[in-house]
């Protein structure tokens, strides 16, 4: 039987989580703020400028990464931790996995992905920002799509990555891990301050109604 298989690697869509530089310096001097990240400390520290921002409705659908538009992705993913990821990173990524699994839209399973199945690698990297930088990068993540075309049809596969910037203690938070895992699953940045996908960390780790709607737009309302 003749089988034609054409694999097309569509590329890696990488997005970062940012925090204002001044906030990051305060975080380094007062380590107790690392834990407080989940209490929306960034929002408080930014003062009047942040208070003037008007959050969008929590029901505004979080957009999807352009690279996953039109893809038919399975909601099941197999994830693993890189050897260099410390215990703090494993903890916050495990928390993020639980939050996304609780939606019932995706199914994230720890272990090695079988051939042709979706996977996510949780890792760390080191990137020290310049002193004059306005913002600090706490993490990055995104999907990497491979599309295989055969006589049997088209198969879309996501081998994604979510990573924390180990040069900053604030990266090891539920908020950052949840944001980067969202990118790995295909969620893009949202303009809603209520979304975990807002590009500047608000300390939020609970998915908004808009975030859940965004997942449904990618994977459907029920597991395939």
N, C-alpha and C. Protein backbone atom coordinates (compact mmCIF):
# COMPACT_ATOMS: atom_id res chain seq x y z
N UNK A 1 0.86 -1.19 0.00
CA UNK A 1 0.00 0.00 0.00
C UNK A 1 0.89 1.23 0.00
N UNK A 2 0.61 2.14 -0.87
CA UNK A 2 1.38 3.38 -0.97
C UNK A 2 0.82 4.40 0.00
N UNK A 3 1.69 4.90 0.84
CA UNK A 3 1.28 5.93 1.79
C UNK A 3 2.19 7.14 1.60
N UNK A 4 1.60 8.25 1.32
CA UNK A 4 2.34 9.49 1.17
C UNK A 4 2.24 10.28 2.46
N UNK A 5 3.37 10.58 3.05
CA UNK A 5 3.39 11.37 4.28
C UNK A 5 4.25 12.60 4.05
N UNK A 6 3.65 13.74 4.24
CA UNK A 6 4.38 15.00 4.12
C UNK A 6 4.30 15.71 5.47
N UNK A 7 5.44 15.91 6.09
CA UNK A 7 5.47 16.60 7.38
C UNK A 7 5.85 18.06 7.17
N UNK A 8 5.03 18.93 7.66
CA UNK A 8 5.28 20.36 7.53
C UNK A 8 5.41 20.94 8.94
N UNK A 9 6.59 21.41 9.28
CA UNK A 9 6.79 22.05 10.57
C UNK A 9 6.44 23.52 10.43
N UNK A 10 5.38 23.93 11.09
CA UNK A 10 4.88 25.29 10.92
C UNK A 10 5.63 26.29 11.78
N UNK A 11 6.40 25.81 12.73
CA UNK A 11 7.22 26.74 13.51
C UNK A 11 6.80 26.84 14.95
N UNK A 12 7.54 27.66 15.66
CA UNK A 12 7.36 27.82 17.10
C UNK A 12 6.88 29.22 17.40
N UNK A 13 5.75 29.32 18.05
CA UNK A 13 5.19 30.61 18.42
C UNK A 13 5.56 30.86 19.88
N UNK A 14 6.44 31.79 20.12
CA UNK A 14 6.96 32.02 21.46
C UNK A 14 6.45 33.34 22.02
N UNK A 15 5.92 33.30 23.24
CA UNK A 15 5.44 34.50 23.90
C UNK A 15 6.05 34.59 25.29
N UNK A 16 6.21 35.80 25.78
CA UNK A 16 6.86 36.00 27.07
C UNK A 16 5.90 36.65 28.06
N UNK A 17 6.15 36.38 29.35
CA UNK A 17 5.48 37.07 30.44
C UNK A 17 6.41 38.17 30.94
N UNK A 18 5.89 39.37 31.07
CA UNK A 18 6.71 40.51 31.49
C UNK A 18 6.22 41.07 32.81
N UNK A 19 7.14 41.73 33.50
CA UNK A 19 6.80 42.45 34.71
C UNK A 19 7.64 43.73 34.69
N UNK A 20 7.11 44.87 35.16
CA UNK A 20 7.89 46.11 35.13
C UNK A 20 9.21 45.96 35.88
N UNK A 21 10.27 46.58 35.36
CA UNK A 21 11.61 46.48 35.95
C UNK A 21 11.62 46.93 37.40
N UNK A 22 10.95 48.03 37.71
CA UNK A 22 10.95 48.53 39.08
C UNK A 22 10.34 47.50 40.02
N UNK A 23 9.29 46.86 39.56
CA UNK A 23 8.64 45.83 40.38
C UNK A 23 9.58 44.67 40.62
N UNK A 24 10.32 44.28 39.59
CA UNK A 24 11.25 43.16 39.74
C UNK A 24 12.34 43.47 40.74
N UNK A 25 12.82 44.71 40.78
CA UNK A 25 13.85 45.08 41.74
C UNK A 25 13.32 45.01 43.16
N UNK A 26 12.10 45.48 43.35
CA UNK A 26 11.49 45.38 44.67
C UNK A 26 11.36 43.93 45.08
N UNK A 27 10.99 43.08 44.11
CA UNK A 27 10.83 41.66 44.38
C UNK A 27 12.14 41.02 44.81
N UNK A 28 13.25 41.43 44.22
CA UNK A 28 14.54 40.88 44.59
C UNK A 28 14.93 41.31 46.00
N UNK A 29 14.61 42.55 46.38
CA UNK A 29 14.97 43.06 47.69
C UNK A 29 14.07 42.51 48.78
N UNK A 30 12.85 42.17 48.43
CA UNK A 30 11.88 41.67 49.42
C UNK A 30 11.36 40.34 48.92
N UNK A 31 12.03 39.28 49.30
CA UNK A 31 11.74 37.96 48.74
C UNK A 31 10.36 37.46 49.13
N UNK A 32 9.78 38.04 50.18
CA UNK A 32 8.45 37.59 50.55
C UNK A 32 7.43 37.91 49.47
N UNK A 33 7.75 38.83 48.57
CA UNK A 33 6.82 39.18 47.50
C UNK A 33 6.70 38.10 46.45
N UNK A 34 7.65 37.16 46.42
CA UNK A 34 7.55 36.06 45.46
C UNK A 34 6.28 35.27 45.73
N UNK A 35 6.04 34.97 47.01
CA UNK A 35 4.82 34.26 47.37
C UNK A 35 3.60 35.13 47.11
N UNK A 36 3.75 36.41 47.34
CA UNK A 36 2.62 37.32 47.18
C UNK A 36 2.24 37.57 45.74
N UNK A 37 3.01 37.03 44.79
CA UNK A 37 2.69 37.21 43.38
C UNK A 37 1.28 36.77 43.08
N UNK A 38 0.83 35.67 43.76
CA UNK A 38 -0.51 35.18 43.53
C UNK A 38 -1.56 36.07 44.17
N UNK A 39 -1.13 37.10 44.89
CA UNK A 39 -2.05 38.02 45.51
C UNK A 39 -2.13 39.34 44.77
N UNK A 40 -1.74 39.36 43.51
CA UNK A 40 -1.90 40.53 42.65
C UNK A 40 -1.01 41.69 43.09
N UNK A 41 0.24 41.38 43.55
CA UNK A 41 1.13 42.44 44.03
C UNK A 41 1.59 43.36 42.92
N UNK A 42 1.70 42.86 41.70
CA UNK A 42 2.12 43.74 40.61
C UNK A 42 1.11 44.87 40.43
N UNK A 43 -0.16 44.52 40.51
CA UNK A 43 -1.21 45.51 40.35
C UNK A 43 -1.11 46.61 41.41
N UNK A 44 -0.79 46.23 42.65
CA UNK A 44 -0.70 47.21 43.72
C UNK A 44 0.52 48.10 43.54
N UNK A 45 1.66 47.51 43.17
CA UNK A 45 2.90 48.26 43.09
C UNK A 45 2.91 49.27 41.96
N UNK A 46 2.15 49.04 40.93
CA UNK A 46 2.18 49.95 39.79
C UNK A 46 1.40 51.22 40.05
N UNK A 47 0.64 51.28 41.14
CA UNK A 47 0.03 52.51 41.61
C UNK A 47 -1.06 53.07 40.72
N UNK A 48 -1.06 54.38 40.63
CA UNK A 48 -2.15 55.08 39.98
C UNK A 48 -2.30 54.72 38.51
N UNK A 49 -1.17 54.50 37.81
CA UNK A 49 -1.26 54.18 36.39
C UNK A 49 -2.06 52.92 36.17
N UNK A 50 -1.82 51.89 37.01
CA UNK A 50 -2.55 50.63 36.87
C UNK A 50 -3.99 50.79 37.33
N UNK A 51 -4.21 51.63 38.38
CA UNK A 51 -5.57 51.82 38.88
C UNK A 51 -6.46 52.44 37.81
N UNK A 52 -5.86 53.22 36.90
CA UNK A 52 -6.64 53.88 35.87
C UNK A 52 -7.05 52.93 34.75
N UNK A 53 -6.40 51.76 34.68
CA UNK A 53 -6.75 50.80 33.63
C UNK A 53 -8.10 50.18 33.92
N UNK A 54 -8.89 50.00 32.89
CA UNK A 54 -10.22 49.42 33.04
C UNK A 54 -10.21 47.99 32.53
N UNK A 55 -10.43 47.01 33.41
CA UNK A 55 -10.41 45.63 32.96
C UNK A 55 -11.55 45.33 32.01
N UNK A 56 -11.26 44.55 30.98
CA UNK A 56 -12.30 44.12 30.06
C UNK A 56 -13.17 43.08 30.74
N UNK A 57 -14.29 42.79 30.14
CA UNK A 57 -15.17 41.76 30.67
C UNK A 57 -14.46 40.42 30.72
N UNK A 58 -14.73 39.66 31.79
CA UNK A 58 -14.11 38.33 31.93
C UNK A 58 -14.63 37.37 30.87
N UNK A 59 -15.71 37.76 30.18
CA UNK A 59 -16.27 36.87 29.16
C UNK A 59 -15.69 37.14 27.77
N UNK A 60 -14.82 38.15 27.64
CA UNK A 60 -14.18 38.41 26.36
C UNK A 60 -13.27 37.25 26.02
N UNK A 61 -13.52 36.60 24.90
CA UNK A 61 -12.77 35.39 24.55
C UNK A 61 -11.29 35.70 24.36
N UNK A 62 -10.45 34.98 25.07
CA UNK A 62 -9.00 35.11 24.90
C UNK A 62 -8.62 34.61 23.51
N UNK A 63 -7.88 35.40 22.74
CA UNK A 63 -7.54 34.97 21.37
C UNK A 63 -6.58 33.79 21.36
N UNK A 64 -6.53 33.11 20.23
CA UNK A 64 -5.61 31.99 20.07
C UNK A 64 -4.37 32.44 19.32
N UNK A 65 -3.27 31.73 19.54
CA UNK A 65 -2.04 32.00 18.80
C UNK A 65 -2.31 31.80 17.30
N UNK A 66 -1.80 32.69 16.45
CA UNK A 66 -2.03 32.54 15.01
C UNK A 66 -1.61 31.18 14.47
N UNK A 67 -0.57 30.60 15.04
CA UNK A 67 -0.05 29.34 14.52
C UNK A 67 -1.01 28.17 14.72
N UNK A 68 -1.96 28.28 15.67
CA UNK A 68 -2.90 27.18 15.89
C UNK A 68 -4.24 27.41 15.19
N UNK A 69 -4.42 28.57 14.58
CA UNK A 69 -5.68 28.83 13.89
C UNK A 69 -5.87 27.84 12.75
N UNK A 70 -7.02 27.23 12.70
CA UNK A 70 -7.33 26.26 11.66
C UNK A 70 -6.78 24.87 11.92
N UNK A 71 -6.04 24.69 13.02
CA UNK A 71 -5.50 23.37 13.35
C UNK A 71 -6.56 22.53 14.07
N UNK A 72 -6.47 21.22 13.88
CA UNK A 72 -7.35 20.29 14.60
C UNK A 72 -6.47 19.54 15.60
N UNK A 73 -6.32 20.15 16.76
CA UNK A 73 -5.43 19.60 17.78
C UNK A 73 -6.20 18.73 18.77
N UNK A 74 -5.61 17.61 19.11
CA UNK A 74 -6.18 16.78 20.17
C UNK A 74 -6.04 17.52 21.50
N UNK A 75 -7.01 17.39 22.39
CA UNK A 75 -6.91 18.05 23.69
C UNK A 75 -6.02 17.30 24.68
N UNK A 76 -5.51 16.14 24.28
CA UNK A 76 -4.65 15.35 25.17
C UNK A 76 -3.18 15.67 24.93
N UNK A 77 -2.48 15.97 26.02
CA UNK A 77 -1.05 16.28 25.97
C UNK A 77 -0.30 15.43 26.99
N UNK A 78 0.91 15.07 26.64
CA UNK A 78 1.81 14.40 27.57
C UNK A 78 2.92 15.39 27.92
N UNK A 79 3.13 15.59 29.21
CA UNK A 79 4.12 16.58 29.62
C UNK A 79 5.23 15.95 30.45
N UNK A 80 6.39 16.60 30.40
CA UNK A 80 7.51 16.16 31.23
C UNK A 80 8.32 17.37 31.65
N UNK A 81 9.09 17.20 32.73
CA UNK A 81 9.93 18.26 33.26
C UNK A 81 11.37 18.06 32.78
N UNK A 82 12.01 19.14 32.37
CA UNK A 82 13.42 19.04 32.00
C UNK A 82 14.25 18.75 33.24
N UNK A 83 15.42 18.17 33.02
CA UNK A 83 16.28 17.77 34.14
C UNK A 83 16.75 18.97 34.96
N UNK A 84 16.80 20.14 34.35
CA UNK A 84 17.31 21.33 35.04
C UNK A 84 16.22 22.12 35.76
N UNK A 85 14.97 21.72 35.62
CA UNK A 85 13.88 22.45 36.27
C UNK A 85 13.88 22.16 37.77
N UNK A 86 14.06 23.17 38.63
CA UNK A 86 14.10 22.93 40.07
C UNK A 86 12.73 22.59 40.63
N UNK A 87 12.72 22.18 41.89
CA UNK A 87 11.48 21.75 42.54
C UNK A 87 10.43 22.86 42.53
N UNK A 88 10.86 24.11 42.71
CA UNK A 88 9.91 25.22 42.71
C UNK A 88 9.21 25.34 41.37
N UNK A 89 9.94 25.11 40.29
CA UNK A 89 9.35 25.15 38.96
C UNK A 89 8.39 24.01 38.74
N UNK A 90 8.75 22.83 39.21
CA UNK A 90 7.85 21.67 39.07
C UNK A 90 6.55 21.90 39.82
N UNK A 91 6.67 22.51 40.99
CA UNK A 91 5.47 22.75 41.80
C UNK A 91 4.50 23.68 41.09
N UNK A 92 5.00 24.82 40.59
CA UNK A 92 4.08 25.78 39.98
C UNK A 92 3.53 25.27 38.65
N UNK A 93 4.32 24.51 37.91
CA UNK A 93 3.79 23.94 36.67
C UNK A 93 2.75 22.85 36.97
N UNK A 94 2.98 22.08 38.04
CA UNK A 94 1.98 21.08 38.44
C UNK A 94 0.67 21.76 38.82
N UNK A 95 0.76 22.90 39.51
CA UNK A 95 -0.44 23.66 39.86
C UNK A 95 -1.15 24.13 38.59
N UNK A 96 -0.38 24.61 37.62
CA UNK A 96 -0.96 25.09 36.37
C UNK A 96 -1.65 23.96 35.62
N UNK A 97 -1.02 22.79 35.59
CA UNK A 97 -1.62 21.63 34.93
C UNK A 97 -2.97 21.31 35.56
N UNK A 98 -3.04 21.35 36.89
CA UNK A 98 -4.30 21.06 37.58
C UNK A 98 -5.39 22.04 37.20
N UNK A 99 -5.02 23.31 37.05
CA UNK A 99 -6.01 24.32 36.69
C UNK A 99 -6.58 24.08 35.29
N UNK A 100 -5.72 23.77 34.35
CA UNK A 100 -6.21 23.54 32.99
C UNK A 100 -6.98 22.23 32.90
N UNK A 101 -6.54 21.21 33.60
CA UNK A 101 -7.29 19.94 33.59
C UNK A 101 -8.67 20.12 34.20
N UNK A 102 -8.79 21.01 35.18
CA UNK A 102 -10.07 21.23 35.85
C UNK A 102 -11.13 21.79 34.91
N UNK A 103 -10.72 22.37 33.79
CA UNK A 103 -11.70 22.90 32.83
C UNK A 103 -12.45 21.79 32.10
N UNK A 104 -11.84 20.59 32.03
CA UNK A 104 -12.44 19.50 31.28
C UNK A 104 -12.28 19.65 29.77
N UNK A 105 -11.58 20.68 29.34
CA UNK A 105 -11.40 20.92 27.90
C UNK A 105 -10.15 20.24 27.39
N UNK A 106 -9.08 20.30 28.18
CA UNK A 106 -7.83 19.63 27.82
C UNK A 106 -7.52 18.56 28.86
N UNK A 107 -6.67 17.63 28.46
CA UNK A 107 -6.29 16.52 29.33
C UNK A 107 -4.78 16.39 29.29
N UNK A 108 -4.12 16.84 30.36
CA UNK A 108 -2.67 16.86 30.43
C UNK A 108 -2.20 15.72 31.33
N UNK A 109 -1.37 14.85 30.76
CA UNK A 109 -0.93 13.63 31.45
C UNK A 109 0.59 13.64 31.56
N UNK A 110 1.11 13.37 32.75
CA UNK A 110 2.56 13.32 32.90
C UNK A 110 3.10 12.04 32.29
N UNK A 111 4.17 12.17 31.52
CA UNK A 111 4.79 11.00 30.90
C UNK A 111 5.30 11.31 29.50
N UNK A 112 5.90 10.31 28.90
CA UNK A 112 6.46 10.45 27.55
C UNK A 112 5.35 10.33 26.51
N UNK A 113 5.34 11.24 25.57
CA UNK A 113 4.31 11.24 24.53
C UNK A 113 4.55 10.12 23.53
N UNK A 114 3.53 9.31 23.24
CA UNK A 114 3.66 8.33 22.15
C UNK A 114 3.89 9.05 20.82
N UNK A 115 4.36 8.33 19.86
CA UNK A 115 4.64 8.91 18.54
C UNK A 115 3.38 9.58 17.98
N UNK A 116 3.54 10.79 17.49
CA UNK A 116 2.44 11.49 16.87
C UNK A 116 1.51 12.22 17.82
N UNK A 117 1.78 12.16 19.13
CA UNK A 117 0.90 12.79 20.11
C UNK A 117 1.47 14.13 20.57
N UNK A 118 0.58 14.96 21.09
CA UNK A 118 0.98 16.27 21.60
C UNK A 118 1.85 16.14 22.85
N UNK A 119 2.79 17.05 22.99
CA UNK A 119 3.66 17.03 24.17
C UNK A 119 3.95 18.45 24.64
N UNK A 120 4.31 18.57 25.91
CA UNK A 120 4.73 19.84 26.49
C UNK A 120 5.97 19.58 27.34
N UNK A 121 6.99 20.39 27.13
CA UNK A 121 8.20 20.34 27.95
C UNK A 121 8.21 21.55 28.88
N UNK A 122 8.32 21.28 30.18
CA UNK A 122 8.45 22.35 31.17
C UNK A 122 9.93 22.52 31.50
N UNK A 123 10.42 23.74 31.43
CA UNK A 123 11.86 23.95 31.58
C UNK A 123 12.16 25.32 32.19
N UNK A 124 13.46 25.60 32.35
CA UNK A 124 13.92 26.91 32.78
C UNK A 124 14.98 27.42 31.81
N UNK A 125 15.18 28.71 31.83
CA UNK A 125 16.27 29.32 31.06
C UNK A 125 16.80 30.49 31.88
N UNK A 126 17.89 31.08 31.44
CA UNK A 126 18.50 32.20 32.16
C UNK A 126 18.63 33.38 31.21
N UNK A 127 18.02 34.49 31.61
CA UNK A 127 18.07 35.71 30.80
C UNK A 127 18.03 36.92 31.72
N UNK A 128 19.19 37.49 31.98
CA UNK A 128 19.28 38.68 32.82
C UNK A 128 19.03 39.92 31.95
N UNK A 129 18.05 40.72 32.37
CA UNK A 129 17.68 41.89 31.59
C UNK A 129 18.62 43.06 31.90
N UNK A 130 18.77 43.96 30.95
CA UNK A 130 19.61 45.14 31.13
C UNK A 130 19.04 46.03 32.23
N UNK A 131 19.91 46.74 32.93
CA UNK A 131 19.48 47.59 34.03
C UNK A 131 18.51 48.67 33.58
N UNK A 132 18.66 49.13 32.34
CA UNK A 132 17.78 50.19 31.84
C UNK A 132 16.54 49.66 31.14
N UNK A 133 16.32 48.35 31.22
CA UNK A 133 15.14 47.77 30.59
C UNK A 133 13.89 48.16 31.36
N UNK A 134 12.83 48.51 30.64
CA UNK A 134 11.59 48.92 31.29
C UNK A 134 10.84 47.74 31.89
N UNK A 135 11.10 46.54 31.38
CA UNK A 135 10.36 45.36 31.83
C UNK A 135 11.31 44.19 32.04
N UNK A 136 10.85 43.25 32.84
CA UNK A 136 11.59 42.02 33.11
C UNK A 136 10.83 40.85 32.51
N UNK A 137 11.52 39.98 31.81
CA UNK A 137 10.90 38.78 31.24
C UNK A 137 10.96 37.66 32.26
N UNK A 138 9.79 37.18 32.68
CA UNK A 138 9.72 36.12 33.69
C UNK A 138 9.59 34.73 33.10
N UNK A 139 9.19 34.63 31.85
CA UNK A 139 9.02 33.31 31.24
C UNK A 139 8.63 33.44 29.78
N UNK A 140 8.68 32.33 29.08
CA UNK A 140 8.16 32.30 27.72
C UNK A 140 7.64 30.91 27.42
N UNK A 141 6.82 30.83 26.42
CA UNK A 141 6.24 29.55 26.03
C UNK A 141 5.46 29.68 24.76
N UNK A 142 5.12 28.56 24.17
CA UNK A 142 4.32 28.59 22.96
C UNK A 142 4.25 27.25 22.28
N UNK A 143 3.36 27.13 21.32
CA UNK A 143 3.20 25.88 20.57
C UNK A 143 4.24 25.74 19.46
N UNK A 144 4.53 24.52 19.10
CA UNK A 144 5.35 24.20 17.93
C UNK A 144 4.58 23.16 17.13
N UNK A 145 4.03 23.56 16.01
CA UNK A 145 3.08 22.74 15.27
C UNK A 145 3.75 22.01 14.12
N UNK A 146 3.47 20.73 14.04
CA UNK A 146 3.85 19.92 12.88
C UNK A 146 2.58 19.38 12.25
N UNK A 147 2.44 19.58 10.96
CA UNK A 147 1.25 19.09 10.25
C UNK A 147 1.69 18.00 9.27
N UNK A 148 1.12 16.82 9.43
CA UNK A 148 1.44 15.69 8.56
C UNK A 148 0.25 15.39 7.66
N UNK A 149 0.53 15.30 6.37
CA UNK A 149 -0.51 15.03 5.38
C UNK A 149 -0.24 13.68 4.74
N UNK A 150 -1.22 12.79 4.78
CA UNK A 150 -1.09 11.47 4.17
C UNK A 150 -2.38 11.15 3.43
N UNK A 151 -2.40 9.98 2.81
CA UNK A 151 -3.63 9.56 2.13
C UNK A 151 -4.77 9.37 3.11
N UNK A 152 -4.41 9.16 4.37
CA UNK A 152 -5.44 8.98 5.39
C UNK A 152 -6.01 10.30 5.89
N UNK A 153 -5.36 11.40 5.54
CA UNK A 153 -5.84 12.70 5.98
C UNK A 153 -4.72 13.55 6.57
N UNK A 154 -5.11 14.57 7.29
CA UNK A 154 -4.17 15.51 7.89
C UNK A 154 -4.14 15.33 9.40
N UNK A 155 -2.93 15.32 9.95
CA UNK A 155 -2.77 15.18 11.40
C UNK A 155 -1.94 16.35 11.91
N UNK A 156 -2.50 17.07 12.88
CA UNK A 156 -1.82 18.22 13.48
C UNK A 156 -1.28 17.83 14.86
N UNK A 157 -0.04 18.18 15.11
CA UNK A 157 0.63 17.80 16.35
C UNK A 157 1.32 19.02 16.96
N UNK A 158 1.21 19.16 18.26
CA UNK A 158 1.81 20.29 18.97
C UNK A 158 2.86 19.77 19.96
N UNK A 159 4.11 20.12 19.73
CA UNK A 159 5.19 19.80 20.67
C UNK A 159 5.63 21.11 21.30
N UNK A 160 4.95 21.48 22.37
CA UNK A 160 5.05 22.81 22.94
C UNK A 160 6.09 22.90 24.05
N UNK A 161 6.35 24.13 24.46
CA UNK A 161 7.30 24.39 25.54
C UNK A 161 6.77 25.51 26.43
N UNK A 162 7.00 25.37 27.72
CA UNK A 162 6.71 26.44 28.67
C UNK A 162 7.91 26.54 29.60
N UNK A 163 8.46 27.73 29.73
CA UNK A 163 9.73 27.87 30.43
C UNK A 163 9.74 29.10 31.33
N UNK A 164 10.45 29.01 32.45
CA UNK A 164 10.56 30.08 33.43
C UNK A 164 11.97 30.65 33.42
N UNK A 165 12.07 31.97 33.58
CA UNK A 165 13.37 32.63 33.62
C UNK A 165 13.95 32.53 35.03
N UNK A 166 14.88 31.61 35.22
CA UNK A 166 15.42 31.31 36.55
C UNK A 166 16.28 32.42 37.12
N UNK A 167 16.56 33.45 36.35
CA UNK A 167 17.34 34.58 36.88
C UNK A 167 16.52 35.48 37.79
N UNK A 168 15.19 35.25 37.84
CA UNK A 168 14.32 36.07 38.67
C UNK A 168 13.40 35.19 39.50
N UNK A 169 13.43 35.39 40.82
CA UNK A 169 12.62 34.58 41.71
C UNK A 169 11.13 34.69 41.45
N UNK A 170 10.69 35.85 40.94
CA UNK A 170 9.28 36.04 40.66
C UNK A 170 8.74 35.15 39.57
N UNK A 171 9.65 34.53 38.80
CA UNK A 171 9.21 33.63 37.73
C UNK A 171 8.58 32.36 38.29
N UNK A 172 8.99 31.97 39.50
CA UNK A 172 8.50 30.72 40.07
C UNK A 172 7.20 30.97 40.83
N UNK A 173 6.18 31.30 40.08
CA UNK A 173 4.87 31.60 40.64
C UNK A 173 3.79 30.89 39.84
N UNK A 174 2.66 30.65 40.48
CA UNK A 174 1.54 30.03 39.79
C UNK A 174 1.07 30.89 38.63
N UNK A 175 1.12 32.22 38.82
CA UNK A 175 0.64 33.12 37.77
C UNK A 175 1.46 33.00 36.50
N UNK A 176 2.79 32.99 36.63
CA UNK A 176 3.65 32.90 35.45
C UNK A 176 3.52 31.53 34.80
N UNK A 177 3.52 30.47 35.62
CA UNK A 177 3.41 29.11 35.07
C UNK A 177 2.10 28.92 34.33
N UNK A 178 1.00 29.44 34.88
CA UNK A 178 -0.30 29.31 34.23
C UNK A 178 -0.33 30.07 32.91
N UNK A 179 0.29 31.24 32.90
CA UNK A 179 0.37 32.04 31.67
C UNK A 179 1.16 31.31 30.59
N UNK A 180 2.33 30.79 30.94
CA UNK A 180 3.17 30.13 29.92
C UNK A 180 2.55 28.83 29.43
N UNK A 181 1.90 28.09 30.32
CA UNK A 181 1.20 26.88 29.87
C UNK A 181 0.06 27.25 28.93
N UNK A 182 -0.59 28.37 29.19
CA UNK A 182 -1.63 28.84 28.28
C UNK A 182 -1.10 29.06 26.88
N UNK A 183 0.08 29.68 26.79
CA UNK A 183 0.71 29.86 25.47
C UNK A 183 1.01 28.51 24.83
N UNK A 184 1.54 27.57 25.60
CA UNK A 184 1.87 26.25 25.06
C UNK A 184 0.64 25.58 24.47
N UNK A 185 -0.51 25.80 25.09
CA UNK A 185 -1.75 25.19 24.63
C UNK A 185 -2.38 25.96 23.48
N UNK A 186 -1.84 27.15 23.18
CA UNK A 186 -2.34 27.90 22.02
C UNK A 186 -3.04 29.20 22.33
N UNK A 187 -3.09 29.62 23.59
CA UNK A 187 -3.72 30.89 23.93
C UNK A 187 -2.74 32.03 23.68
N UNK A 188 -3.23 33.10 23.10
CA UNK A 188 -2.41 34.28 22.84
C UNK A 188 -2.63 35.29 23.98
N UNK A 189 -1.96 36.42 23.90
CA UNK A 189 -2.15 37.46 24.90
C UNK A 189 -3.56 38.05 24.81
N UNK A 190 -4.08 38.41 25.96
CA UNK A 190 -5.40 39.02 26.06
C UNK A 190 -5.26 40.45 26.55
N UNK A 191 -6.17 41.31 26.14
CA UNK A 191 -6.18 42.69 26.62
C UNK A 191 -7.00 42.84 27.89
N UNK A 192 -7.58 41.76 28.37
CA UNK A 192 -8.37 41.81 29.59
C UNK A 192 -7.48 41.64 30.82
N UNK A 193 -7.58 42.56 31.76
CA UNK A 193 -6.82 42.45 33.01
C UNK A 193 -7.29 41.28 33.85
N UNK A 194 -8.45 40.72 33.53
CA UNK A 194 -8.99 39.59 34.28
C UNK A 194 -8.46 38.26 33.76
N UNK A 195 -7.75 38.28 32.66
CA UNK A 195 -7.26 37.06 32.02
C UNK A 195 -5.87 36.69 32.53
N UNK A 196 -5.62 35.38 32.64
CA UNK A 196 -4.26 34.93 32.98
C UNK A 196 -3.31 35.18 31.83
N UNK A 197 -3.84 35.53 30.66
CA UNK A 197 -3.02 35.75 29.47
C UNK A 197 -2.72 37.23 29.21
N UNK A 198 -3.01 38.09 30.17
CA UNK A 198 -2.59 39.48 30.03
C UNK A 198 -1.07 39.51 29.98
N UNK A 199 -0.45 40.28 29.05
CA UNK A 199 1.00 40.16 28.82
C UNK A 199 1.88 40.61 29.97
N UNK A 200 1.39 41.51 30.84
CA UNK A 200 2.15 41.92 32.02
C UNK A 200 1.52 41.28 33.24
N UNK A 201 2.32 40.58 34.01
CA UNK A 201 1.78 39.77 35.10
C UNK A 201 0.94 40.58 36.06
N UNK A 202 -0.28 40.10 36.31
CA UNK A 202 -1.19 40.69 37.28
C UNK A 202 -1.30 39.81 38.53
N UNK A 203 -0.53 38.74 38.58
CA UNK A 203 -0.61 37.83 39.70
C UNK A 203 -1.81 36.90 39.65
N UNK A 204 -2.47 36.83 38.50
CA UNK A 204 -3.66 35.99 38.38
C UNK A 204 -3.28 34.58 37.94
N UNK A 205 -3.88 33.60 38.60
CA UNK A 205 -3.64 32.21 38.21
C UNK A 205 -4.93 31.44 37.97
N UNK A 206 -6.08 32.07 38.21
CA UNK A 206 -7.37 31.43 37.95
C UNK A 206 -7.86 31.85 36.57
N UNK A 207 -8.17 30.87 35.73
CA UNK A 207 -8.61 31.16 34.38
C UNK A 207 -9.94 31.92 34.40
N UNK A 208 -10.03 32.96 33.59
CA UNK A 208 -11.27 33.71 33.46
C UNK A 208 -12.22 33.00 32.52
N UNK A 209 -13.46 33.48 32.48
CA UNK A 209 -14.43 32.92 31.53
C UNK A 209 -13.93 33.09 30.10
N UNK A 210 -13.23 34.20 29.83
CA UNK A 210 -12.68 34.42 28.50
C UNK A 210 -11.57 33.44 28.16
N UNK A 211 -10.74 33.09 29.16
CA UNK A 211 -9.69 32.10 28.93
C UNK A 211 -10.28 30.73 28.60
N UNK A 212 -11.32 30.36 29.32
CA UNK A 212 -11.98 29.08 29.07
C UNK A 212 -12.63 29.08 27.69
N UNK A 213 -13.23 30.21 27.32
CA UNK A 213 -13.82 30.31 25.98
C UNK A 213 -12.75 30.19 24.91
N UNK A 214 -11.56 30.74 25.17
CA UNK A 214 -10.46 30.61 24.22
C UNK A 214 -10.02 29.18 24.03
N UNK A 215 -9.94 28.43 25.14
CA UNK A 215 -9.60 27.00 25.05
C UNK A 215 -10.64 26.24 24.24
N UNK A 216 -11.90 26.56 24.47
CA UNK A 216 -12.97 25.88 23.73
C UNK A 216 -12.87 26.18 22.24
N UNK A 217 -12.45 27.40 21.90
CA UNK A 217 -12.32 27.75 20.49
C UNK A 217 -11.23 26.92 19.81
N UNK A 218 -10.22 26.51 20.57
CA UNK A 218 -9.13 25.72 20.00
C UNK A 218 -9.46 24.23 19.99
N UNK A 219 -10.02 23.74 21.11
CA UNK A 219 -10.16 22.29 21.30
C UNK A 219 -11.60 21.80 21.28
N UNK A 220 -12.57 22.70 21.28
CA UNK A 220 -13.95 22.28 21.39
C UNK A 220 -14.36 22.22 22.85
N UNK A 221 -15.64 22.11 23.10
CA UNK A 221 -16.15 22.15 24.47
C UNK A 221 -16.01 20.84 25.20
N UNK A 222 -15.78 19.74 24.46
CA UNK A 222 -15.61 18.43 25.09
C UNK A 222 -14.38 17.76 24.51
N UNK A 223 -13.81 16.84 25.25
CA UNK A 223 -12.63 16.11 24.78
C UNK A 223 -12.94 15.28 23.56
N UNK A 224 -12.01 15.27 22.61
CA UNK A 224 -12.18 14.51 21.37
C UNK A 224 -11.65 13.11 21.54
